[in-house]
């Protein structure tokens, strides 16, 4: 079984997610430097137990995901970018379609990576997302 099959069948649980599925990531304002999104936006923090929270783009639109996210007063986002399951697969990062704490929630699993590897893979994902561009962005006032 190839890595692609592993990601879809084992980690994604066959819930309708495929390699083309976009994984929506909320971008915190602090993750913008000189007008560009930093790789920090695609790197899990230690409190996240090496899991990066994303939304399944086949189940929710970027604008609706953004609205739900910012409806929590402690959450801040200036917009939504995305990476695909295929891009995670090329980095050997399993995608877990966990549905917790809400049905569209997924996690990109960095748990098998060393610190340097996490940084390298986060940079790669960040570059891929920037090539794709913003899927939703808050217009400045």
N, C-alpha and C. Protein backbone atom coordinates (compact mmCIF):
# COMPACT_ATOMS: atom_id res chain seq x y z
N UNK A 1 0.85 -1.18 0.00
CA UNK A 1 0.00 0.00 0.00
C UNK A 1 0.89 1.23 0.00
N UNK A 2 0.66 2.17 -0.91
CA UNK A 2 1.44 3.39 -0.99
C UNK A 2 1.03 4.38 0.07
N UNK A 3 1.82 5.44 0.22
CA UNK A 3 1.52 6.42 1.25
C UNK A 3 0.20 7.12 0.98
N UNK A 4 -0.14 7.34 -0.29
CA UNK A 4 -1.40 8.00 -0.62
C UNK A 4 -2.57 7.19 -0.09
N UNK A 5 -2.56 5.90 -0.33
CA UNK A 5 -3.64 5.04 0.16
C UNK A 5 -3.69 5.06 1.68
N UNK A 6 -2.53 5.09 2.33
CA UNK A 6 -2.49 5.12 3.79
C UNK A 6 -3.18 6.38 4.31
N UNK A 7 -2.84 7.52 3.72
CA UNK A 7 -3.43 8.77 4.19
C UNK A 7 -4.94 8.73 4.06
N UNK A 8 -5.44 8.32 2.92
CA UNK A 8 -6.88 8.33 2.71
C UNK A 8 -7.59 7.27 3.55
N UNK A 9 -7.12 6.05 3.50
CA UNK A 9 -7.86 4.96 4.15
C UNK A 9 -7.67 4.92 5.66
N UNK A 10 -6.46 5.15 6.11
CA UNK A 10 -6.20 5.02 7.55
C UNK A 10 -6.45 6.32 8.30
N UNK A 11 -5.92 7.42 7.80
CA UNK A 11 -6.02 8.66 8.56
C UNK A 11 -7.30 9.41 8.29
N UNK A 12 -7.79 9.35 7.07
CA UNK A 12 -8.98 10.12 6.75
C UNK A 12 -10.26 9.34 6.96
N UNK A 13 -10.13 8.08 7.22
CA UNK A 13 -11.30 7.29 7.60
C UNK A 13 -12.35 7.13 6.51
N UNK A 14 -12.01 7.46 5.27
CA UNK A 14 -12.95 7.26 4.18
C UNK A 14 -14.20 8.10 4.27
N UNK A 15 -14.14 9.27 4.91
CA UNK A 15 -15.33 10.11 5.10
C UNK A 15 -15.49 11.11 3.97
N UNK A 16 -15.13 10.73 2.75
CA UNK A 16 -15.33 11.62 1.62
C UNK A 16 -14.21 12.60 1.37
N UNK A 17 -13.09 12.45 2.03
CA UNK A 17 -11.95 13.33 1.81
C UNK A 17 -11.02 12.62 0.84
N UNK A 18 -10.47 13.38 -0.11
CA UNK A 18 -9.54 12.79 -1.06
C UNK A 18 -8.31 13.68 -1.18
N UNK A 19 -7.39 13.31 -2.04
CA UNK A 19 -6.15 14.07 -2.15
C UNK A 19 -6.35 15.50 -2.64
N UNK A 20 -7.44 15.76 -3.35
CA UNK A 20 -7.71 17.11 -3.83
C UNK A 20 -8.40 17.99 -2.79
N UNK A 21 -8.87 17.39 -1.71
CA UNK A 21 -9.56 18.15 -0.67
C UNK A 21 -8.65 19.25 -0.14
N UNK A 22 -9.20 20.45 -0.07
CA UNK A 22 -8.47 21.57 0.52
C UNK A 22 -8.73 21.60 2.02
N UNK A 23 -7.66 21.80 2.75
CA UNK A 23 -7.70 21.89 4.21
C UNK A 23 -7.57 23.36 4.57
N UNK A 24 -8.63 23.94 5.08
CA UNK A 24 -8.72 25.38 5.33
C UNK A 24 -8.05 25.75 6.65
N UNK A 25 -7.16 26.73 6.58
CA UNK A 25 -6.42 27.17 7.77
C UNK A 25 -6.70 28.64 8.03
N UNK A 26 -7.14 28.93 9.26
CA UNK A 26 -7.35 30.31 9.69
C UNK A 26 -5.98 30.96 9.91
N UNK A 27 -5.83 32.20 9.45
CA UNK A 27 -4.55 32.90 9.56
C UNK A 27 -4.69 34.02 10.60
N UNK A 28 -3.97 33.86 11.70
CA UNK A 28 -3.96 34.86 12.77
C UNK A 28 -3.19 36.10 12.29
N UNK A 29 -3.63 37.29 12.66
CA UNK A 29 -2.92 38.51 12.23
C UNK A 29 -1.44 38.54 12.59
N UNK A 30 -1.06 37.90 13.69
CA UNK A 30 0.35 37.88 14.09
C UNK A 30 1.22 37.04 13.15
N UNK A 31 0.59 36.25 12.27
CA UNK A 31 1.34 35.40 11.35
C UNK A 31 1.60 36.07 10.01
N UNK A 32 1.43 37.40 9.97
CA UNK A 32 1.71 38.18 8.76
C UNK A 32 2.91 39.07 9.06
N UNK A 33 3.93 38.97 8.19
CA UNK A 33 5.10 39.84 8.30
C UNK A 33 5.42 40.37 6.92
N UNK A 34 5.56 41.68 6.82
CA UNK A 34 5.85 42.34 5.55
C UNK A 34 4.85 41.92 4.48
N UNK A 35 3.59 41.78 4.88
CA UNK A 35 2.54 41.46 3.94
C UNK A 35 2.46 40.00 3.52
N UNK A 36 3.29 39.15 4.10
CA UNK A 36 3.31 37.73 3.74
C UNK A 36 2.98 36.87 4.95
N UNK A 37 2.35 35.74 4.68
CA UNK A 37 2.03 34.78 5.73
C UNK A 37 3.30 34.02 6.09
N UNK A 38 3.60 33.94 7.38
CA UNK A 38 4.79 33.21 7.82
C UNK A 38 4.47 31.72 7.95
N UNK A 39 5.52 30.93 7.99
CA UNK A 39 5.32 29.48 8.13
C UNK A 39 4.73 29.12 9.49
N UNK A 40 4.79 30.05 10.44
CA UNK A 40 4.21 29.80 11.77
C UNK A 40 2.72 29.48 11.67
N UNK A 41 2.06 30.00 10.63
CA UNK A 41 0.63 29.74 10.44
C UNK A 41 0.36 28.27 10.14
N UNK A 42 1.38 27.54 9.69
CA UNK A 42 1.22 26.14 9.32
C UNK A 42 2.05 25.21 10.21
N UNK A 43 2.40 25.72 11.38
CA UNK A 43 3.19 24.93 12.33
C UNK A 43 2.41 24.80 13.63
N UNK A 44 2.19 23.58 14.09
CA UNK A 44 1.47 23.43 15.36
C UNK A 44 2.32 23.92 16.52
N UNK A 45 1.66 24.47 17.52
CA UNK A 45 2.38 24.89 18.72
C UNK A 45 2.46 23.70 19.68
N UNK A 46 3.37 23.75 20.64
CA UNK A 46 3.48 22.62 21.59
C UNK A 46 2.16 22.28 22.30
N UNK A 47 1.34 23.29 22.59
CA UNK A 47 0.06 23.02 23.27
C UNK A 47 -0.91 22.24 22.38
N UNK A 48 -0.66 22.23 21.08
CA UNK A 48 -1.53 21.53 20.13
C UNK A 48 -1.20 20.05 20.00
N UNK A 49 -0.23 19.57 20.77
CA UNK A 49 0.18 18.16 20.73
C UNK A 49 0.54 17.71 19.32
N UNK A 50 1.22 18.62 18.58
CA UNK A 50 1.71 18.34 17.23
C UNK A 50 0.60 18.15 16.19
N UNK A 51 -0.59 18.64 16.48
CA UNK A 51 -1.71 18.56 15.54
C UNK A 51 -2.10 19.97 15.11
N UNK A 52 -2.12 20.21 13.80
CA UNK A 52 -2.49 21.51 13.26
C UNK A 52 -3.96 21.48 12.86
N UNK A 53 -4.76 22.34 13.45
CA UNK A 53 -6.21 22.39 13.17
C UNK A 53 -6.49 23.00 11.82
N UNK A 54 -7.33 22.32 11.05
CA UNK A 54 -7.79 22.78 9.75
C UNK A 54 -9.24 22.36 9.59
N UNK A 55 -9.90 22.88 8.56
CA UNK A 55 -11.27 22.49 8.25
C UNK A 55 -11.30 21.77 6.91
N UNK A 56 -12.16 20.80 6.79
CA UNK A 56 -12.35 20.05 5.56
C UNK A 56 -13.08 20.93 4.55
N UNK A 57 -12.38 21.37 3.53
CA UNK A 57 -12.95 22.26 2.53
C UNK A 57 -14.03 21.63 1.67
N UNK A 58 -14.19 20.31 1.73
CA UNK A 58 -15.29 19.65 1.03
C UNK A 58 -16.59 19.75 1.84
N UNK A 59 -16.47 20.12 3.12
CA UNK A 59 -17.64 20.15 3.99
C UNK A 59 -18.05 21.56 4.42
N UNK A 60 -17.15 22.55 4.22
CA UNK A 60 -17.46 23.92 4.65
C UNK A 60 -16.71 24.89 3.74
N UNK A 61 -17.35 26.01 3.46
CA UNK A 61 -16.72 27.02 2.61
C UNK A 61 -15.77 27.89 3.45
N UNK A 62 -14.79 28.52 2.81
CA UNK A 62 -13.85 29.36 3.56
C UNK A 62 -14.52 30.49 4.34
N UNK A 63 -15.51 31.16 3.75
CA UNK A 63 -16.15 32.27 4.45
C UNK A 63 -16.96 31.81 5.65
N UNK A 64 -17.65 30.68 5.52
CA UNK A 64 -18.43 30.15 6.64
C UNK A 64 -17.48 29.65 7.75
N UNK A 65 -16.39 29.01 7.35
CA UNK A 65 -15.40 28.55 8.34
C UNK A 65 -14.84 29.75 9.10
N UNK A 66 -14.57 30.82 8.39
CA UNK A 66 -14.03 32.03 9.03
C UNK A 66 -15.04 32.60 10.02
N UNK A 67 -16.29 32.71 9.61
CA UNK A 67 -17.32 33.26 10.50
C UNK A 67 -17.46 32.42 11.76
N UNK A 68 -17.47 31.11 11.61
CA UNK A 68 -17.60 30.25 12.79
C UNK A 68 -16.39 30.45 13.70
N UNK A 69 -15.19 30.52 13.13
CA UNK A 69 -13.97 30.66 13.91
C UNK A 69 -13.98 31.96 14.71
N UNK A 70 -14.28 33.07 14.07
CA UNK A 70 -14.22 34.36 14.78
C UNK A 70 -15.42 34.59 15.69
N UNK A 71 -16.43 33.73 15.61
CA UNK A 71 -17.57 33.87 16.53
C UNK A 71 -17.15 33.54 17.96
N UNK A 72 -16.01 32.87 18.11
CA UNK A 72 -15.43 32.63 19.44
C UNK A 72 -14.60 33.87 19.78
N UNK A 73 -14.95 34.58 20.85
CA UNK A 73 -14.27 35.84 21.18
C UNK A 73 -12.76 35.73 21.38
N UNK A 74 -12.25 34.57 21.69
CA UNK A 74 -10.80 34.43 21.90
C UNK A 74 -10.05 34.11 20.61
N UNK A 75 -10.77 33.95 19.51
CA UNK A 75 -10.14 33.58 18.23
C UNK A 75 -10.08 34.79 17.30
N UNK A 76 -8.96 34.90 16.60
CA UNK A 76 -8.76 35.99 15.66
C UNK A 76 -8.21 35.43 14.35
N UNK A 77 -8.74 35.93 13.25
CA UNK A 77 -8.29 35.50 11.93
C UNK A 77 -8.51 36.62 10.94
N UNK A 78 -7.54 36.82 10.04
CA UNK A 78 -7.72 37.82 8.99
C UNK A 78 -8.12 37.17 7.67
N UNK A 79 -8.20 35.85 7.68
CA UNK A 79 -8.62 35.17 6.47
C UNK A 79 -8.27 33.70 6.49
N UNK A 80 -8.51 33.07 5.34
CA UNK A 80 -8.35 31.62 5.21
C UNK A 80 -7.45 31.31 4.02
N UNK A 81 -6.46 30.46 4.27
CA UNK A 81 -5.63 29.90 3.22
C UNK A 81 -5.81 28.39 3.30
N UNK A 82 -5.22 27.66 2.36
CA UNK A 82 -5.42 26.22 2.38
C UNK A 82 -4.23 25.47 1.78
N UNK A 83 -4.11 24.24 2.22
CA UNK A 83 -3.22 23.26 1.60
C UNK A 83 -4.10 22.07 1.23
N UNK A 84 -3.65 21.27 0.29
CA UNK A 84 -4.44 20.10 -0.08
C UNK A 84 -3.95 18.87 0.67
N UNK A 85 -4.79 17.87 0.71
CA UNK A 85 -4.38 16.60 1.30
C UNK A 85 -3.17 16.05 0.55
N UNK A 86 -3.12 16.25 -0.77
CA UNK A 86 -1.98 15.77 -1.57
C UNK A 86 -0.69 16.45 -1.13
N UNK A 87 -0.76 17.74 -0.81
CA UNK A 87 0.44 18.45 -0.37
C UNK A 87 0.91 17.94 0.99
N UNK A 88 -0.02 17.58 1.85
CA UNK A 88 0.34 16.96 3.13
C UNK A 88 0.96 15.58 2.88
N UNK A 89 0.38 14.85 1.95
CA UNK A 89 0.86 13.52 1.62
C UNK A 89 2.31 13.55 1.14
N UNK A 90 2.66 14.54 0.31
CA UNK A 90 4.04 14.62 -0.18
C UNK A 90 5.03 14.90 0.95
N UNK A 91 4.54 15.44 2.05
CA UNK A 91 5.39 15.71 3.21
C UNK A 91 5.27 14.61 4.27
N UNK A 92 4.57 13.53 3.92
CA UNK A 92 4.33 12.42 4.86
C UNK A 92 3.67 12.90 6.15
N UNK A 93 2.70 13.79 5.98
CA UNK A 93 1.93 14.30 7.11
C UNK A 93 0.51 13.75 7.01
N UNK A 94 0.15 12.80 7.88
CA UNK A 94 -1.21 12.27 7.85
C UNK A 94 -2.24 13.36 8.18
N UNK A 95 -3.39 13.24 7.55
CA UNK A 95 -4.51 14.13 7.83
C UNK A 95 -5.58 13.31 8.53
N UNK A 96 -5.97 13.77 9.70
CA UNK A 96 -6.96 13.06 10.50
C UNK A 96 -8.29 13.79 10.42
N UNK A 97 -9.28 13.15 9.84
CA UNK A 97 -10.62 13.72 9.74
C UNK A 97 -11.35 13.36 11.03
N UNK A 98 -11.08 14.13 12.08
CA UNK A 98 -11.54 13.75 13.42
C UNK A 98 -12.94 14.25 13.77
N UNK A 99 -13.40 15.32 13.12
CA UNK A 99 -14.74 15.82 13.40
C UNK A 99 -14.94 16.37 14.80
N UNK A 100 -13.85 16.69 15.49
CA UNK A 100 -13.93 17.21 16.86
C UNK A 100 -13.09 18.49 16.93
N UNK A 101 -13.62 19.59 17.37
CA UNK A 101 -14.85 19.78 18.16
C UNK A 101 -16.10 20.06 17.32
N UNK A 102 -16.00 20.06 16.00
CA UNK A 102 -17.17 20.25 15.13
C UNK A 102 -16.98 19.35 13.92
N UNK A 103 -18.05 19.05 13.19
CA UNK A 103 -17.99 18.01 12.15
C UNK A 103 -16.95 18.22 11.05
N UNK A 104 -16.65 19.46 10.68
CA UNK A 104 -15.72 19.71 9.56
C UNK A 104 -14.25 19.72 9.99
N UNK A 105 -13.97 19.57 11.27
CA UNK A 105 -12.61 19.68 11.78
C UNK A 105 -11.72 18.51 11.36
N UNK A 106 -10.52 18.84 10.96
CA UNK A 106 -9.47 17.86 10.66
C UNK A 106 -8.19 18.33 11.34
N UNK A 107 -7.22 17.43 11.43
CA UNK A 107 -5.92 17.77 11.98
C UNK A 107 -4.83 17.26 11.05
N UNK A 108 -3.80 18.09 10.85
CA UNK A 108 -2.60 17.65 10.14
C UNK A 108 -1.64 17.20 11.23
N UNK A 109 -1.20 15.95 11.14
CA UNK A 109 -0.45 15.31 12.22
C UNK A 109 1.06 15.42 12.01
N UNK A 110 1.71 16.23 12.86
CA UNK A 110 3.16 16.41 12.84
C UNK A 110 3.84 15.59 13.93
N UNK A 111 3.12 14.69 14.59
CA UNK A 111 3.62 14.02 15.80
C UNK A 111 4.84 13.14 15.57
N UNK A 112 5.07 12.67 14.37
CA UNK A 112 6.22 11.81 14.09
C UNK A 112 7.45 12.62 13.66
N UNK A 113 7.35 13.95 13.70
CA UNK A 113 8.41 14.82 13.20
C UNK A 113 9.26 15.42 14.32
N UNK A 114 10.55 15.53 14.05
CA UNK A 114 11.47 16.26 14.93
C UNK A 114 11.23 17.76 14.72
N UNK A 115 11.74 18.58 15.64
CA UNK A 115 11.51 20.02 15.58
C UNK A 115 11.94 20.64 14.24
N UNK A 116 13.13 20.32 13.78
CA UNK A 116 13.62 20.86 12.50
C UNK A 116 12.74 20.42 11.34
N UNK A 117 12.29 19.18 11.40
CA UNK A 117 11.43 18.64 10.36
C UNK A 117 10.07 19.34 10.35
N UNK A 118 9.56 19.64 11.53
CA UNK A 118 8.30 20.38 11.63
C UNK A 118 8.45 21.74 10.96
N UNK A 119 9.54 22.43 11.26
CA UNK A 119 9.77 23.76 10.67
C UNK A 119 9.88 23.68 9.15
N UNK A 120 10.61 22.68 8.65
CA UNK A 120 10.79 22.52 7.20
C UNK A 120 9.46 22.22 6.52
N UNK A 121 8.68 21.32 7.11
CA UNK A 121 7.40 20.94 6.51
C UNK A 121 6.40 22.10 6.59
N UNK A 122 6.42 22.85 7.67
CA UNK A 122 5.54 24.01 7.80
C UNK A 122 5.87 25.05 6.73
N UNK A 123 7.15 25.26 6.46
CA UNK A 123 7.55 26.19 5.41
C UNK A 123 7.05 25.73 4.05
N UNK A 124 7.15 24.44 3.80
CA UNK A 124 6.67 23.89 2.53
C UNK A 124 5.16 24.11 2.40
N UNK A 125 4.40 23.80 3.44
CA UNK A 125 2.95 23.99 3.39
C UNK A 125 2.60 25.47 3.21
N UNK A 126 3.32 26.33 3.89
CA UNK A 126 3.09 27.77 3.78
C UNK A 126 3.31 28.24 2.35
N UNK A 127 4.37 27.78 1.72
CA UNK A 127 4.64 28.15 0.32
C UNK A 127 3.51 27.67 -0.59
N UNK A 128 3.05 26.44 -0.38
CA UNK A 128 1.96 25.91 -1.20
C UNK A 128 0.69 26.75 -1.02
N UNK A 129 0.39 27.10 0.20
CA UNK A 129 -0.80 27.92 0.47
C UNK A 129 -0.68 29.30 -0.18
N UNK A 130 0.50 29.88 -0.13
CA UNK A 130 0.69 31.21 -0.71
C UNK A 130 0.58 31.17 -2.23
N UNK A 131 1.04 30.11 -2.84
CA UNK A 131 0.88 29.97 -4.30
C UNK A 131 -0.61 29.91 -4.63
N UNK A 132 -1.38 29.21 -3.82
CA UNK A 132 -2.83 29.09 -4.03
C UNK A 132 -3.51 30.44 -3.78
N UNK A 133 -3.01 31.19 -2.81
CA UNK A 133 -3.58 32.49 -2.48
C UNK A 133 -4.69 32.39 -1.44
N UNK A 134 -5.20 33.55 -1.06
CA UNK A 134 -6.26 33.63 -0.07
C UNK A 134 -7.54 33.04 -0.65
N UNK A 135 -8.22 32.19 0.14
CA UNK A 135 -9.53 31.69 -0.25
C UNK A 135 -10.62 32.59 0.30
N UNK A 136 -10.30 33.25 1.39
CA UNK A 136 -11.18 34.25 1.99
C UNK A 136 -10.28 35.21 2.75
N UNK A 137 -10.54 36.50 2.61
CA UNK A 137 -9.74 37.48 3.32
C UNK A 137 -10.64 38.63 3.78
N UNK A 138 -10.45 39.04 5.03
CA UNK A 138 -11.20 40.16 5.58
C UNK A 138 -10.70 41.43 4.89
N UNK A 139 -11.62 42.19 4.39
CA UNK A 139 -11.25 43.45 3.74
C UNK A 139 -10.92 44.47 4.81
N UNK A 140 -9.81 45.17 4.64
CA UNK A 140 -9.43 46.19 5.64
C UNK A 140 -10.38 47.37 5.56
N UNK A 141 -10.63 47.95 6.71
CA UNK A 141 -11.59 49.06 6.82
C UNK A 141 -10.99 50.34 6.34
